[in-house]
Amino acid sequence: MGIIVTIGRRKTSVARVYMKEGKGNVTVNKKDYKDFFPVPMLQSKIQQAFNLTDTAGKYDVTVNVVGGGINGQAEAIRLGISRALVEVSEDYKPMLKAEGLVTRDPRMVERKKPGQPKARKKFQFSKR
């Protein structure tokens, strides 16, 4: 197995994931993922795909992530790791699909329209 390259996206975050066999090191933007994401919930999101497929500690992952906030970045990384695991073995796909980890979440922030204060909010209407 060489290096598997996948991409994960969420909102405006884009994560390029490079996975190879190793000891389970996860590096995000040249930092350890526990330093990059100090919140335990975000760390568990990144490890979720490995825990579901019992592959924790088998692969080294290097990630370049840009855009968005920390939650969107963590979910983009999770999608990229899930896609990489599916490339390793198609047997993982049903497990990951049941948890919704191979589905790209298409929800984005709606754009602001001209003549309105926000995307959907309207200025106060005065009849007279």
Protein backbone atom coordinates (compact mmCIF):
# COMPACT_ATOMS: atom_id res chain seq x y z
CA MET A 1 0.00 0.00 0.00
CA GLY A 2 1.37 3.40 -0.98
CA ILE A 3 0.04 6.78 0.06
CA ILE A 4 -3.72 7.20 -0.32
CA VAL A 5 -4.76 10.78 -1.10
CA THR A 6 -8.36 11.87 -0.48
CA ILE A 7 -10.22 15.11 0.10
CA GLY A 8 -12.88 16.03 2.63
CA ARG A 9 -15.06 19.12 2.67
CA ARG A 10 -17.51 20.68 5.14
CA LYS A 11 -19.00 24.18 4.89
CA THR A 12 -16.00 26.22 3.66
CA SER A 13 -13.31 23.87 5.04
CA VAL A 14 -11.23 21.73 2.70
CA ALA A 15 -9.00 18.94 4.07
CA ARG A 16 -6.43 17.10 1.95
CA VAL A 17 -5.75 13.76 3.64
CA TYR A 18 -2.63 11.63 3.00
CA MET A 19 -2.82 8.16 4.61
CA LYS A 20 -0.18 5.43 4.74
CA GLU A 21 0.55 2.42 6.93
CA GLY A 22 2.16 3.36 10.21
CA LYS A 23 1.74 3.66 13.97
CA GLY A 24 -1.38 5.83 14.15
CA ASN A 25 0.14 9.32 14.09
CA VAL A 26 -2.28 12.04 12.96
CA THR A 27 -0.67 15.33 11.89
CA VAL A 28 -2.79 18.37 11.00
CA ASN A 29 -1.00 21.34 9.37
CA LYS A 30 2.39 20.06 10.68
CA LYS A 31 1.10 19.82 14.28
CA ASP A 32 -0.16 16.85 16.25
CA TYR A 33 -3.96 16.72 16.02
CA LYS A 34 -4.27 16.98 19.82
CA ASP A 35 -2.42 20.31 19.71
CA PHE A 36 -4.36 21.56 16.68
CA PHE A 37 -7.75 20.53 18.15
CA PRO A 38 -7.50 20.97 21.96
CA VAL A 39 -11.21 20.12 22.46
CA PRO A 40 -11.76 16.39 23.23
CA MET A 41 -15.00 16.31 21.18
CA LEU A 42 -13.14 17.37 18.02
CA GLN A 43 -10.37 14.83 18.69
CA SER A 44 -12.98 12.08 18.97
CA LYS A 45 -14.52 13.18 15.63
CA ILE A 46 -11.15 12.67 13.94
CA GLN A 47 -10.68 9.22 15.53
CA GLN A 48 -14.30 8.14 14.92
CA ALA A 49 -13.70 6.41 11.57
CA PHE A 50 -10.70 4.49 12.95
CA ASN A 51 -12.62 3.37 16.05
CA LEU A 52 -15.58 2.14 13.98
CA THR A 53 -13.40 0.06 11.66
CA ASP A 54 -10.98 -1.16 14.39
CA THR A 55 -8.02 0.33 12.53
CA ALA A 56 -6.84 2.69 15.30
CA GLY A 57 -3.03 2.73 15.36
CA LYS A 58 -2.58 1.11 11.92
CA TYR A 59 -2.27 4.17 9.68
CA ASP A 60 -0.35 7.43 9.76
CA VAL A 61 -2.39 10.39 8.55
CA THR A 62 -1.08 13.76 7.38
CA VAL A 63 -3.67 16.47 6.76
CA ASN A 64 -3.58 19.94 5.21
CA VAL A 65 -6.76 21.80 6.12
CA VAL A 66 -7.81 25.35 5.21
CA GLY A 67 -10.92 27.50 5.60
CA GLY A 68 -13.85 27.54 7.98
CA GLY A 69 -13.80 27.09 11.74
CA ILE A 70 -12.43 24.30 13.90
CA ASN A 71 -15.63 22.22 13.89
CA GLY A 72 -15.97 22.34 10.10
CA GLN A 73 -12.28 21.49 9.74
CA ALA A 74 -12.60 18.48 12.07
CA GLU A 75 -15.61 17.18 10.12
CA ALA A 76 -13.80 17.72 6.81
CA ILE A 77 -10.87 15.67 8.12
CA ARG A 78 -13.27 12.96 9.30
CA LEU A 79 -14.79 12.70 5.81
CA GLY A 80 -11.33 12.53 4.21
CA ILE A 81 -10.19 9.76 6.58
CA SER A 82 -13.41 7.82 5.96
CA ARG A 83 -12.91 8.04 2.19
CA ALA A 84 -9.30 6.87 2.58
CA LEU A 85 -10.39 3.86 4.67
CA VAL A 86 -12.96 2.93 2.00
CA GLU A 87 -10.13 3.00 -0.58
CA VAL A 88 -8.10 0.66 1.65
CA SER A 89 -10.96 -1.84 1.90
CA GLU A 90 -14.52 -1.72 0.55
CA ASP A 91 -15.58 -3.85 3.58
CA TYR A 92 -15.45 -0.70 5.74
CA LYS A 93 -18.02 1.16 3.65
CA PRO A 94 -21.24 -0.31 5.21
CA MET A 95 -19.99 0.44 8.75
CA LEU A 96 -19.01 4.01 7.89
CA LYS A 97 -22.15 4.60 5.84
CA ALA A 98 -24.38 3.50 8.75
CA GLU A 99 -22.82 6.25 10.89
CA GLY A 100 -23.08 8.77 8.03
CA LEU A 101 -19.33 9.27 7.67
CA VAL A 102 -19.04 8.80 3.89
CA THR A 103 -21.74 11.36 3.09
CA ARG A 104 -20.66 14.88 2.15
CA ASP A 105 -22.75 17.34 4.20
CA PRO A 106 -23.88 19.92 1.60
CA ARG A 107 -25.14 22.54 4.05
CA MET A 108 -23.48 25.90 3.51
CA VAL A 109 -24.17 29.42 4.77
CA GLU A 110 -26.77 31.10 2.58
CA ARG A 111 -25.56 34.26 0.89
CA LYS A 112 -26.78 37.73 1.84
CA LYS A 113 -29.19 39.18 -0.74
CA PRO A 114 -29.11 42.83 -1.83
CA GLY A 115 -31.86 45.02 -0.37
CA GLN A 116 -32.04 42.88 2.79
CA PRO A 117 -30.12 43.07 6.07
CA LYS A 118 -29.31 39.32 6.08
CA ALA A 119 -29.91 36.24 3.92
CA ARG A 120 -33.62 35.91 4.76
CA LYS A 121 -34.41 38.74 7.16
CA LYS A 122 -36.25 41.67 5.62
CA PHE A 123 -36.22 45.32 6.62
CA GLN A 124 -39.22 46.34 8.73
CA PHE A 125 -42.29 46.94 6.58
CA SER A 126 -44.25 50.14 7.17
CA LYS A 127 -47.72 50.33 5.64
CA ARG A 128 -48.05 54.11 6.21
